[in-house]
């Protein structure tokens, strides 16, 4: 996947910087997702959601990257998470744009 390839390239070139980066803040909206990283950089991505219009309670838990748990997570942990959930991939794109 292109996200993983891009991340691996950045990790190879900027290992020290990537390992220390954390997600300081995140805003997930209907159309855009924005992140602020611990180094002050910010990035945005078009929010991509699953096709269903109603989010059932059983589908709201994204593990360590559930909305209430994202702040303070390391960027490296986000990219090591294998997920087919579109909102996680949206978050990855926003973080790559910040980097």
C-alpha atoms as a PDB file:
ATOM      1  CA  UNK A   1       0.000   0.000   0.000  1.00  0.00           C
ATOM      2  CA  UNK A   2       1.301   3.453  -0.857  1.00  0.00           C
ATOM      3  CA  UNK A   3       0.822   4.724   2.702  1.00  0.00           C
ATOM      4  CA  UNK A   4       3.146   2.090   4.093  1.00  0.00           C
ATOM      5  CA  UNK A   5       5.722   2.572   1.356  1.00  0.00           C
ATOM      6  CA  UNK A   6       5.799   6.338   1.920  1.00  0.00           C
ATOM      7  CA  UNK A   7       6.066   5.905   5.666  1.00  0.00           C
ATOM      8  CA  UNK A   8       8.895   3.361   5.308  1.00  0.00           C
ATOM      9  CA  UNK A   9      10.813   5.750   3.056  1.00  0.00           C
ATOM     10  CA  UNK A  10      10.430   8.600   5.568  1.00  0.00           C
ATOM     11  CA  UNK A  11      11.341   6.312   8.460  1.00  0.00           C
ATOM     12  CA  UNK A  12      14.507   5.232   6.647  1.00  0.00           C
ATOM     13  CA  UNK A  13      15.614   8.799   5.946  1.00  0.00           C
ATOM     14  CA  UNK A  14      14.457  10.446   9.211  1.00  0.00           C
ATOM     15  CA  UNK A  15      14.571   7.652  11.807  1.00  0.00           C
ATOM     16  CA  UNK A  16      15.335   9.839  14.848  1.00  0.00           C
ATOM     17  CA  UNK A  17      12.645  12.376  14.037  1.00  0.00           C
ATOM     18  CA  UNK A  18       9.936   9.803  13.255  1.00  0.00           C
ATOM     19  CA  UNK A  19      10.602   7.784  16.417  1.00  0.00           C
ATOM     20  CA  UNK A  20      10.086  10.813  18.653  1.00  0.00           C
ATOM     21  CA  UNK A  21       6.951  12.226  16.979  1.00  0.00           C
ATOM     22  CA  UNK A  22       3.613  12.039  18.786  1.00  0.00           C
ATOM     23  CA  UNK A  23       0.099  13.095  17.838  1.00  0.00           C
ATOM     24  CA  UNK A  24      -0.600  16.195  19.941  1.00  0.00           C
ATOM     25  CA  UNK A  25      -4.086  16.924  18.676  1.00  0.00           C
ATOM     26  CA  UNK A  26      -6.542  15.623  16.119  1.00  0.00           C
ATOM     27  CA  UNK A  27      -9.825  16.815  14.637  1.00  0.00           C
ATOM     28  CA  UNK A  28     -11.916  14.417  12.576  1.00  0.00           C
ATOM     29  CA  UNK A  29     -14.727  16.107  10.701  1.00  0.00           C
ATOM     30  CA  UNK A  30     -17.216  15.132   8.052  1.00  0.00           C
ATOM     31  CA  UNK A  31     -14.990  16.349   5.217  1.00  0.00           C
ATOM     32  CA  UNK A  32     -11.494  16.874   6.656  1.00  0.00           C
ATOM     33  CA  UNK A  33      -9.227  15.310   9.253  1.00  0.00           C
ATOM     34  CA  UNK A  34      -6.454  17.443  10.748  1.00  0.00           C
ATOM     35  CA  UNK A  35      -3.569  16.501  13.023  1.00  0.00           C
ATOM     36  CA  UNK A  36      -1.022  18.460  15.030  1.00  0.00           C
ATOM     37  CA  UNK A  37       2.230  16.666  15.774  1.00  0.00           C
ATOM     38  CA  UNK A  38       4.522  17.145  18.749  1.00  0.00           C
ATOM     39  CA  UNK A  39       7.042  19.104  16.651  1.00  0.00           C
ATOM     40  CA  UNK A  40       4.361  21.696  15.794  1.00  0.00           C
ATOM     41  CA  UNK A  41       3.745  20.527  12.249  1.00  0.00           C
ATOM     42  CA  UNK A  42       0.208  19.970  11.080  1.00  0.00           C
ATOM     43  CA  UNK A  43      -1.403  18.062   8.265  1.00  0.00           C
ATOM     44  CA  UNK A  44      -4.833  17.442   6.831  1.00  0.00           C
ATOM     45  CA  UNK A  45      -6.528  14.810   4.716  1.00  0.00           C
ATOM     46  CA  UNK A  46      -9.927  14.268   3.206  1.00  0.00           C
ATOM     47  CA  UNK A  47     -11.981  12.210   5.646  1.00  0.00           C
ATOM     48  CA  UNK A  48     -12.835   8.815   4.251  1.00  0.00           C
ATOM     49  CA  UNK A  49     -15.512   6.871   6.046  1.00  0.00           C
ATOM     50  CA  UNK A  50     -17.058   3.460   5.540  1.00  0.00           C
ATOM     51  CA  UNK A  51     -20.116   3.281   3.285  1.00  0.00           C
ATOM     52  CA  UNK A  52     -22.716   2.790   6.009  1.00  0.00           C
ATOM     53  CA  UNK A  53     -24.366   5.998   7.155  1.00  0.00           C
ATOM     54  CA  UNK A  54     -24.926   4.924  10.773  1.00  0.00           C
ATOM     55  CA  UNK A  55     -22.006   4.010  13.005  1.00  0.00           C
ATOM     56  CA  UNK A  56     -23.098   1.226  15.307  1.00  0.00           C
ATOM     57  CA  UNK A  57     -21.648   1.165  18.819  1.00  0.00           C
ATOM     58  CA  UNK A  58     -19.834  -2.117  18.101  1.00  0.00           C
ATOM     59  CA  UNK A  59     -17.991  -0.402  15.208  1.00  0.00           C
ATOM     60  CA  UNK A  60     -16.782   2.627  17.204  1.00  0.00           C
ATOM     61  CA  UNK A  61     -13.845   0.998  18.954  1.00  0.00           C
ATOM     62  CA  UNK A  62     -10.654   1.401  16.945  1.00  0.00           C
ATOM     63  CA  UNK A  63      -8.417   0.066  19.738  1.00  0.00           C
ATOM     64  CA  UNK A  64      -5.566   2.363  20.699  1.00  0.00           C
ATOM     65  CA  UNK A  65      -6.671   4.829  18.043  1.00  0.00           C
ATOM     66  CA  UNK A  66     -10.257   5.316  19.205  1.00  0.00           C
ATOM     67  CA  UNK A  67     -11.100   9.050  19.184  1.00  0.00           C
ATOM     68  CA  UNK A  68     -10.618   9.562  22.925  1.00  0.00           C
ATOM     69  CA  UNK A  69      -7.248   7.769  22.891  1.00  0.00           C
ATOM     70  CA  UNK A  70      -5.439   9.272  19.881  1.00  0.00           C
ATOM     71  CA  UNK A  71      -3.733  12.222  21.575  1.00  0.00           C
ATOM     72  CA  UNK A  72      -0.279  11.353  22.818  1.00  0.00           C
ATOM     73  CA  UNK A  73       0.097   8.265  20.651  1.00  0.00           C
ATOM     74  CA  UNK A  74       3.375   7.842  18.814  1.00  0.00           C
ATOM     75  CA  UNK A  75       3.317   8.203  15.033  1.00  0.00           C
ATOM     76  CA  UNK A  76       5.282   4.975  14.708  1.00  0.00           C
ATOM     77  CA  UNK A  77       2.492   3.104  16.568  1.00  0.00           C
ATOM     78  CA  UNK A  78      -0.105   4.429  14.136  1.00  0.00           C
ATOM     79  CA  UNK A  79       1.773   3.103  11.123  1.00  0.00           C
ATOM     80  CA  UNK A  80       2.482  -0.242  12.744  1.00  0.00           C
ATOM     81  CA  UNK A  81      -1.263  -0.762  13.210  1.00  0.00           C
ATOM     82  CA  UNK A  82      -2.624  -2.907  10.388  1.00  0.00           C
ATOM     83  CA  UNK A  83      -6.198  -1.869   9.831  1.00  0.00           C
ATOM     84  CA  UNK A  84      -8.699  -1.817   7.015  1.00  0.00           C
ATOM     85  CA  UNK A  85     -10.749   0.856   8.807  1.00  0.00           C
ATOM     86  CA  UNK A  86     -10.903   3.876   6.518  1.00  0.00           C
ATOM     87  CA  UNK A  87     -10.717   6.459   9.310  1.00  0.00           C
ATOM     88  CA  UNK A  88      -7.374   4.991  10.464  1.00  0.00           C
ATOM     89  CA  UNK A  89      -6.031   5.300   6.907  1.00  0.00           C
ATOM     90  CA  UNK A  90      -7.315   8.887   6.784  1.00  0.00           C
ATOM     91  CA  UNK A  91      -5.413   9.599   9.990  1.00  0.00           C
ATOM     92  CA  UNK A  92      -2.272   8.086   8.447  1.00  0.00           C
ATOM     93  CA  UNK A  93      -2.539  10.351   5.392  1.00  0.00           C
ATOM     94  CA  UNK A  94      -2.991  13.437   7.590  1.00  0.00           C
ATOM     95  CA  UNK A  95       0.092  12.462   9.628  1.00  0.00           C
ATOM     96  CA  UNK A  96       2.156  11.902   6.469  1.00  0.00           C
ATOM     97  CA  UNK A  97       1.098  15.338   5.244  1.00  0.00           C
ATOM     98  CA  UNK A  98       2.231  16.822   8.553  1.00  0.00           C
ATOM     99  CA  UNK A  99       5.605  15.113   8.290  1.00  0.00           C
END
